[in-house]
Amino acid sequence: MLSEDADEDVRDVAAGALRTIWQGAKDPRVLEALAKAALNDPDEDVRRSAYKALLIVAGVPRDQHLQLLTGGSLAVDPARVQAIVEELR
């Protein structure tokens, strides 16, 4: 759904679901899917949701986790996305 659904709202919800289900799991398949969406999705909101989800699935300290969940919009940092993906290898 995150990579193939035509509806940006569905892709956005898919990113949020992955964030919730896989938080802190560092699952390579999930991280790669979220990284791809964070960098390449045509919709800015989906890219931002996927980026937040990527950070949470990759594992962040509790205070940052709470800030990500309660904070506003967060711009995608391509360098950080790339660093997370490189850690998988």
C-alpha atoms as a PDB file:
ATOM      1  CA  MET A   1       0.000   0.000   0.000  1.00  0.00           C
ATOM      2  CA  LEU A   2       2.787   2.425   0.839  1.00  0.00           C
ATOM      3  CA  SER A   3       4.493   2.041  -2.495  1.00  0.00           C
ATOM      4  CA  GLU A   4       1.686   1.217  -4.899  1.00  0.00           C
ATOM      5  CA  ASP A   5      -1.637   2.736  -3.870  1.00  0.00           C
ATOM      6  CA  ALA A   6      -2.739   5.634  -6.062  1.00  0.00           C
ATOM      7  CA  ASP A   7      -4.403   7.463  -3.156  1.00  0.00           C
ATOM      8  CA  GLU A   8      -1.976   9.607  -1.149  1.00  0.00           C
ATOM      9  CA  ASP A   9      -4.187   9.341   1.950  1.00  0.00           C
ATOM     10  CA  VAL A  10      -3.870   5.550   1.860  1.00  0.00           C
ATOM     11  CA  ARG A  11      -0.074   5.794   1.491  1.00  0.00           C
ATOM     12  CA  ASP A  12       0.035   8.254   4.390  1.00  0.00           C
ATOM     13  CA  VAL A  13      -1.980   5.903   6.618  1.00  0.00           C
ATOM     14  CA  ALA A  14       0.219   2.981   5.554  1.00  0.00           C
ATOM     15  CA  ALA A  15       3.331   4.864   6.704  1.00  0.00           C
ATOM     16  CA  GLY A  16       1.651   5.567  10.042  1.00  0.00           C
ATOM     17  CA  ALA A  17       0.640   1.940  10.438  1.00  0.00           C
ATOM     18  CA  LEU A  18       4.188   0.757   9.789  1.00  0.00           C
ATOM     19  CA  ARG A  19       5.436   3.304  12.329  1.00  0.00           C
ATOM     20  CA  THR A  20       3.066   1.951  14.970  1.00  0.00           C
ATOM     21  CA  ILE A  21       3.500  -1.758  14.302  1.00  0.00           C
ATOM     22  CA  TRP A  22       7.272  -1.773  13.758  1.00  0.00           C
ATOM     23  CA  GLN A  23       8.445   0.974  16.159  1.00  0.00           C
ATOM     24  CA  GLY A  24      12.037   0.356  17.156  1.00  0.00           C
ATOM     25  CA  ALA A  25      12.145  -2.967  15.294  1.00  0.00           C
ATOM     26  CA  LYS A  26      14.799  -1.924  12.762  1.00  0.00           C
ATOM     27  CA  ASP A  27      13.346  -4.363  10.225  1.00  0.00           C
ATOM     28  CA  PRO A  28      15.328  -3.884   6.993  1.00  0.00           C
ATOM     29  CA  ARG A  29      12.337  -4.447   4.687  1.00  0.00           C
ATOM     30  CA  VAL A  30      10.233  -1.878   6.513  1.00  0.00           C
ATOM     31  CA  LEU A  31      13.088   0.621   6.736  1.00  0.00           C
ATOM     32  CA  GLU A  32      13.830   0.320   3.017  1.00  0.00           C
ATOM     33  CA  ALA A  33      10.162   0.801   2.093  1.00  0.00           C
ATOM     34  CA  LEU A  34       9.878   3.852   4.335  1.00  0.00           C
ATOM     35  CA  ALA A  35      13.151   5.315   3.051  1.00  0.00           C
ATOM     36  CA  LYS A  36      11.991   4.918  -0.539  1.00  0.00           C
ATOM     37  CA  ALA A  37       8.692   6.641   0.257  1.00  0.00           C
ATOM     38  CA  ALA A  38      10.409   9.395   2.259  1.00  0.00           C
ATOM     39  CA  LEU A  39      12.646  10.246  -0.674  1.00  0.00           C
ATOM     40  CA  ASN A  40      10.469   9.512  -3.686  1.00  0.00           C
ATOM     41  CA  ASP A  41       6.753   9.713  -2.979  1.00  0.00           C
ATOM     42  CA  PRO A  42       5.104  12.382  -5.151  1.00  0.00           C
ATOM     43  CA  ASP A  43       3.118  13.730  -2.175  1.00  0.00           C
ATOM     44  CA  GLU A  44       4.971  15.871   0.378  1.00  0.00           C
ATOM     45  CA  ASP A  45       2.741  14.789   3.288  1.00  0.00           C
ATOM     46  CA  VAL A  46       3.428  11.126   2.525  1.00  0.00           C
ATOM     47  CA  ARG A  47       7.174  11.820   2.320  1.00  0.00           C
ATOM     48  CA  ARG A  48       7.062  13.517   5.723  1.00  0.00           C
ATOM     49  CA  SER A  49       4.961  10.738   7.292  1.00  0.00           C
ATOM     50  CA  ALA A  50       7.278   8.097   5.877  1.00  0.00           C
ATOM     51  CA  TYR A  51      10.297  10.004   7.230  1.00  0.00           C
ATOM     52  CA  LYS A  52       8.845  10.191  10.741  1.00  0.00           C
ATOM     53  CA  ALA A  53       7.977   6.511  10.540  1.00  0.00           C
ATOM     54  CA  LEU A  54      11.495   5.704   9.317  1.00  0.00           C
ATOM     55  CA  LEU A  55      13.038   7.437  12.309  1.00  0.00           C
ATOM     56  CA  ILE A  56      10.747   5.665  14.758  1.00  0.00           C
ATOM     57  CA  VAL A  57      11.214   2.220  13.193  1.00  0.00           C
ATOM     58  CA  ALA A  58      14.987   2.784  13.115  1.00  0.00           C
ATOM     59  CA  GLY A  59      14.826   3.508  16.830  1.00  0.00           C
ATOM     60  CA  VAL A  60      15.156   6.888  18.466  1.00  0.00           C
ATOM     61  CA  PRO A  61      15.447   7.839  22.142  1.00  0.00           C
ATOM     62  CA  ARG A  62      12.142   8.024  23.993  1.00  0.00           C
ATOM     63  CA  ASP A  63      12.117  11.826  24.213  1.00  0.00           C
ATOM     64  CA  GLN A  64      12.704  12.165  20.472  1.00  0.00           C
ATOM     65  CA  HIS A  65      10.065   9.495  19.812  1.00  0.00           C
ATOM     66  CA  LEU A  66       7.503  11.503  21.772  1.00  0.00           C
ATOM     67  CA  GLN A  67       8.555  14.703  20.023  1.00  0.00           C
ATOM     68  CA  LEU A  68       8.075  13.042  16.632  1.00  0.00           C
ATOM     69  CA  LEU A  69       4.601  11.859  17.607  1.00  0.00           C
ATOM     70  CA  THR A  70       3.426  15.151  19.089  1.00  0.00           C
ATOM     71  CA  GLY A  71       5.371  17.644  17.015  1.00  0.00           C
ATOM     72  CA  GLY A  72       4.236  19.218  13.811  1.00  0.00           C
ATOM     73  CA  SER A  73       5.463  18.612  10.327  1.00  0.00           C
ATOM     74  CA  LEU A  74       9.063  17.499   9.927  1.00  0.00           C
ATOM     75  CA  ALA A  75      11.056  18.110   6.753  1.00  0.00           C
ATOM     76  CA  VAL A  76      12.738  15.077   5.237  1.00  0.00           C
ATOM     77  CA  ASP A  77      16.510  15.004   5.730  1.00  0.00           C
ATOM     78  CA  PRO A  78      17.846  12.992   2.762  1.00  0.00           C
ATOM     79  CA  ALA A  79      21.275  12.606   4.385  1.00  0.00           C
ATOM     80  CA  ARG A  80      19.731  11.043   7.496  1.00  0.00           C
ATOM     81  CA  VAL A  81      17.572   8.749   5.357  1.00  0.00           C
ATOM     82  CA  GLN A  82      20.684   7.642   3.479  1.00  0.00           C
ATOM     83  CA  ALA A  83      22.585   7.065   6.737  1.00  0.00           C
ATOM     84  CA  ILE A  84      19.805   4.818   8.048  1.00  0.00           C
ATOM     85  CA  VAL A  85      19.728   2.839   4.800  1.00  0.00           C
ATOM     86  CA  GLU A  86      23.519   2.452   4.824  1.00  0.00           C
ATOM     87  CA  GLU A  87      23.379   1.037   8.358  1.00  0.00           C
ATOM     88  CA  LEU A  88      21.286  -1.815   6.950  1.00  0.00           C
ATOM     89  CA  ARG A  89      24.161  -2.940   4.758  1.00  0.00           C
END
